[in-house]
Amino acid sequence: AKLVFVSNNCPPVRKSLIQYYAMLAKIQVYLFSGNNVDLGTACGKFHRVSVMSIIDAGDSDILTAE
């Protein structure tokens, strides 16, 4: 992965594990300001998403956007 999104209501233990493994792999973690329903909607899914990773950005500028 190149970027990982974590929702704001992700369980604290899971969030800290993701941040730890991302730090080891030198992957950027973005703490999404919305909850898991909002993150799922942003992905275009109709279910809850607590964690989402970007594997290939394609033509988008998601990896450079702030």
N, C-alpha and C. Protein backbone atom coordinates (compact mmCIF):
# COMPACT_ATOMS: atom_id res chain seq x y z
N ALA A 1 0.84 -1.19 0.00
CA ALA A 1 0.00 0.00 0.00
C ALA A 1 0.88 1.25 0.00
N LYS A 2 0.31 2.32 -0.47
CA LYS A 2 1.03 3.59 -0.49
C LYS A 2 0.44 4.61 0.48
N LEU A 3 -0.85 4.43 0.80
CA LEU A 3 -1.55 5.34 1.71
C LEU A 3 -2.65 4.55 2.39
N VAL A 4 -2.88 4.81 3.67
CA VAL A 4 -3.92 4.13 4.43
C VAL A 4 -4.81 5.18 5.07
N PHE A 5 -6.12 5.04 4.88
CA PHE A 5 -7.11 5.88 5.53
C PHE A 5 -7.70 5.12 6.72
N VAL A 6 -7.83 5.80 7.86
CA VAL A 6 -8.42 5.20 9.06
C VAL A 6 -9.54 6.12 9.53
N SER A 7 -10.75 5.57 9.73
CA SER A 7 -11.87 6.39 10.19
C SER A 7 -11.68 6.79 11.64
N ASN A 8 -12.41 7.83 12.05
CA ASN A 8 -12.21 8.35 13.41
C ASN A 8 -12.83 7.47 14.48
N ASN A 9 -13.71 6.53 14.12
CA ASN A 9 -14.29 5.65 15.13
C ASN A 9 -13.75 4.22 15.03
N CYS A 10 -12.60 4.07 14.42
CA CYS A 10 -11.92 2.78 14.38
C CYS A 10 -11.46 2.47 15.81
N PRO A 11 -11.58 1.21 16.27
CA PRO A 11 -11.16 0.89 17.64
C PRO A 11 -9.70 1.29 17.89
N PRO A 12 -9.41 1.84 19.06
CA PRO A 12 -8.06 2.36 19.35
C PRO A 12 -6.94 1.33 19.20
N VAL A 13 -7.19 0.09 19.60
CA VAL A 13 -6.15 -0.93 19.49
C VAL A 13 -5.84 -1.22 18.03
N ARG A 14 -6.88 -1.33 17.22
CA ARG A 14 -6.68 -1.58 15.79
C ARG A 14 -5.99 -0.39 15.12
N LYS A 15 -6.40 0.82 15.50
CA LYS A 15 -5.79 2.02 14.93
C LYS A 15 -4.31 2.09 15.26
N SER A 16 -3.94 1.79 16.50
CA SER A 16 -2.53 1.86 16.88
C SER A 16 -1.72 0.76 16.18
N LEU A 17 -2.30 -0.43 16.00
CA LEU A 17 -1.60 -1.49 15.27
C LEU A 17 -1.37 -1.10 13.81
N ILE A 18 -2.37 -0.51 13.19
CA ILE A 18 -2.24 -0.08 11.79
C ILE A 18 -1.17 0.99 11.68
N GLN A 19 -1.17 1.94 12.61
CA GLN A 19 -0.17 3.00 12.58
C GLN A 19 1.24 2.44 12.82
N TYR A 20 1.35 1.45 13.69
CA TYR A 20 2.65 0.84 13.97
C TYR A 20 3.18 0.12 12.73
N TYR A 21 2.34 -0.73 12.12
CA TYR A 21 2.78 -1.46 10.93
C TYR A 21 3.05 -0.52 9.76
N ALA A 22 2.28 0.54 9.64
CA ALA A 22 2.51 1.51 8.57
C ALA A 22 3.84 2.24 8.79
N MET A 23 4.17 2.53 10.05
CA MET A 23 5.43 3.17 10.34
C MET A 23 6.60 2.25 9.98
N LEU A 24 6.46 0.96 10.27
CA LEU A 24 7.51 0.01 9.91
C LEU A 24 7.70 -0.09 8.40
N ALA A 25 6.59 -0.03 7.66
CA ALA A 25 6.64 -0.14 6.20
C ALA A 25 6.81 1.21 5.52
N LYS A 26 6.92 2.28 6.30
CA LYS A 26 7.06 3.64 5.77
C LYS A 26 5.89 4.01 4.84
N ILE A 27 4.68 3.76 5.33
CA ILE A 27 3.45 4.08 4.61
C ILE A 27 2.77 5.22 5.33
N GLN A 28 2.27 6.17 4.57
CA GLN A 28 1.57 7.32 5.14
C GLN A 28 0.19 6.91 5.63
N VAL A 29 -0.20 7.36 6.82
CA VAL A 29 -1.52 7.09 7.39
C VAL A 29 -2.27 8.41 7.47
N TYR A 30 -3.50 8.41 6.94
CA TYR A 30 -4.36 9.59 7.00
C TYR A 30 -5.52 9.28 7.92
N LEU A 31 -5.68 10.06 8.99
CA LEU A 31 -6.80 9.87 9.90
C LEU A 31 -8.00 10.62 9.34
N PHE A 32 -8.95 9.87 8.80
CA PHE A 32 -10.15 10.42 8.17
C PHE A 32 -11.02 11.07 9.23
N SER A 33 -11.52 12.26 8.97
CA SER A 33 -12.28 13.00 9.98
C SER A 33 -13.69 12.46 10.19
N GLY A 34 -14.19 11.67 9.26
CA GLY A 34 -15.54 11.11 9.39
C GLY A 34 -15.51 9.73 10.00
N ASN A 35 -16.71 9.21 10.28
CA ASN A 35 -16.78 7.86 10.84
C ASN A 35 -16.73 6.81 9.74
N ASN A 36 -16.91 5.53 10.10
CA ASN A 36 -16.76 4.46 9.12
C ASN A 36 -17.87 4.47 8.07
N VAL A 37 -19.04 5.00 8.39
CA VAL A 37 -20.10 5.12 7.39
C VAL A 37 -19.72 6.18 6.35
N ASP A 38 -19.15 7.29 6.82
CA ASP A 38 -18.72 8.35 5.91
C ASP A 38 -17.58 7.88 5.00
N LEU A 39 -16.64 7.11 5.54
CA LEU A 39 -15.54 6.59 4.74
C LEU A 39 -16.05 5.61 3.70
N GLY A 40 -17.02 4.78 4.07
CA GLY A 40 -17.63 3.87 3.10
C GLY A 40 -18.35 4.62 1.99
N THR A 41 -19.04 5.68 2.33
CA THR A 41 -19.73 6.50 1.34
C THR A 41 -18.73 7.19 0.42
N ALA A 42 -17.62 7.66 0.98
CA ALA A 42 -16.58 8.30 0.17
C ALA A 42 -15.96 7.32 -0.81
N CYS A 43 -15.95 6.03 -0.44
CA CYS A 43 -15.41 4.99 -1.34
C CYS A 43 -16.43 4.56 -2.38
N GLY A 44 -17.68 4.98 -2.21
CA GLY A 44 -18.72 4.55 -3.13
C GLY A 44 -19.32 3.21 -2.75
N LYS A 45 -19.16 2.81 -1.50
CA LYS A 45 -19.70 1.54 -1.02
C LYS A 45 -20.91 1.81 -0.13
N PHE A 46 -21.76 0.82 -0.01
CA PHE A 46 -22.95 0.95 0.84
C PHE A 46 -22.79 0.23 2.17
N HIS A 47 -21.55 -0.01 2.57
CA HIS A 47 -21.29 -0.63 3.86
C HIS A 47 -20.21 0.17 4.59
N ARG A 48 -20.02 -0.18 5.86
CA ARG A 48 -19.06 0.55 6.69
C ARG A 48 -17.63 0.15 6.33
N VAL A 49 -16.75 1.14 6.32
CA VAL A 49 -15.33 0.91 6.02
C VAL A 49 -14.51 1.63 7.10
N SER A 50 -13.82 0.87 7.94
CA SER A 50 -13.01 1.48 8.98
C SER A 50 -11.61 1.82 8.49
N VAL A 51 -11.07 0.98 7.59
CA VAL A 51 -9.72 1.17 7.08
C VAL A 51 -9.73 0.93 5.59
N MET A 52 -9.07 1.82 4.85
CA MET A 52 -8.97 1.68 3.40
C MET A 52 -7.54 1.97 3.00
N SER A 53 -7.00 1.17 2.08
CA SER A 53 -5.64 1.41 1.63
C SER A 53 -5.63 1.71 0.14
N ILE A 54 -4.71 2.57 -0.26
CA ILE A 54 -4.49 2.89 -1.66
C ILE A 54 -3.29 2.08 -2.12
N ILE A 55 -3.52 1.17 -3.05
CA ILE A 55 -2.45 0.33 -3.56
C ILE A 55 -1.85 0.94 -4.82
N ASP A 56 -2.72 1.41 -5.71
CA ASP A 56 -2.27 2.05 -6.95
C ASP A 56 -3.13 3.28 -7.17
N ALA A 57 -2.53 4.44 -7.20
CA ALA A 57 -3.29 5.68 -7.33
C ALA A 57 -3.80 5.91 -8.74
N GLY A 58 -3.24 5.24 -9.71
CA GLY A 58 -3.67 5.44 -11.09
C GLY A 58 -3.36 6.84 -11.57
N ASP A 59 -4.34 7.49 -12.19
CA ASP A 59 -4.14 8.85 -12.72
C ASP A 59 -4.50 9.93 -11.71
N SER A 60 -5.00 9.55 -10.54
CA SER A 60 -5.44 10.54 -9.55
C SER A 60 -4.23 11.14 -8.83
N ASP A 61 -4.48 12.24 -8.14
CA ASP A 61 -3.42 12.89 -7.36
C ASP A 61 -3.65 12.69 -5.87
N ILE A 62 -4.25 11.57 -5.49
CA ILE A 62 -4.60 11.33 -4.08
C ILE A 62 -3.37 11.22 -3.19
N LEU A 63 -2.26 10.78 -3.72
CA LEU A 63 -1.05 10.64 -2.92
C LEU A 63 -0.34 11.97 -2.68
N THR A 64 -0.61 12.97 -3.50
CA THR A 64 0.03 14.27 -3.34
C THR A 64 -0.90 15.29 -2.72
N ALA A 65 -2.20 15.01 -2.68
CA ALA A 65 -3.16 15.97 -2.12
C ALA A 65 -3.03 16.00 -0.61
N GLU A 66 -3.26 17.15 -0.04
CA GLU A 66 -3.19 17.32 1.42
C GLU A 66 -4.57 17.29 2.00
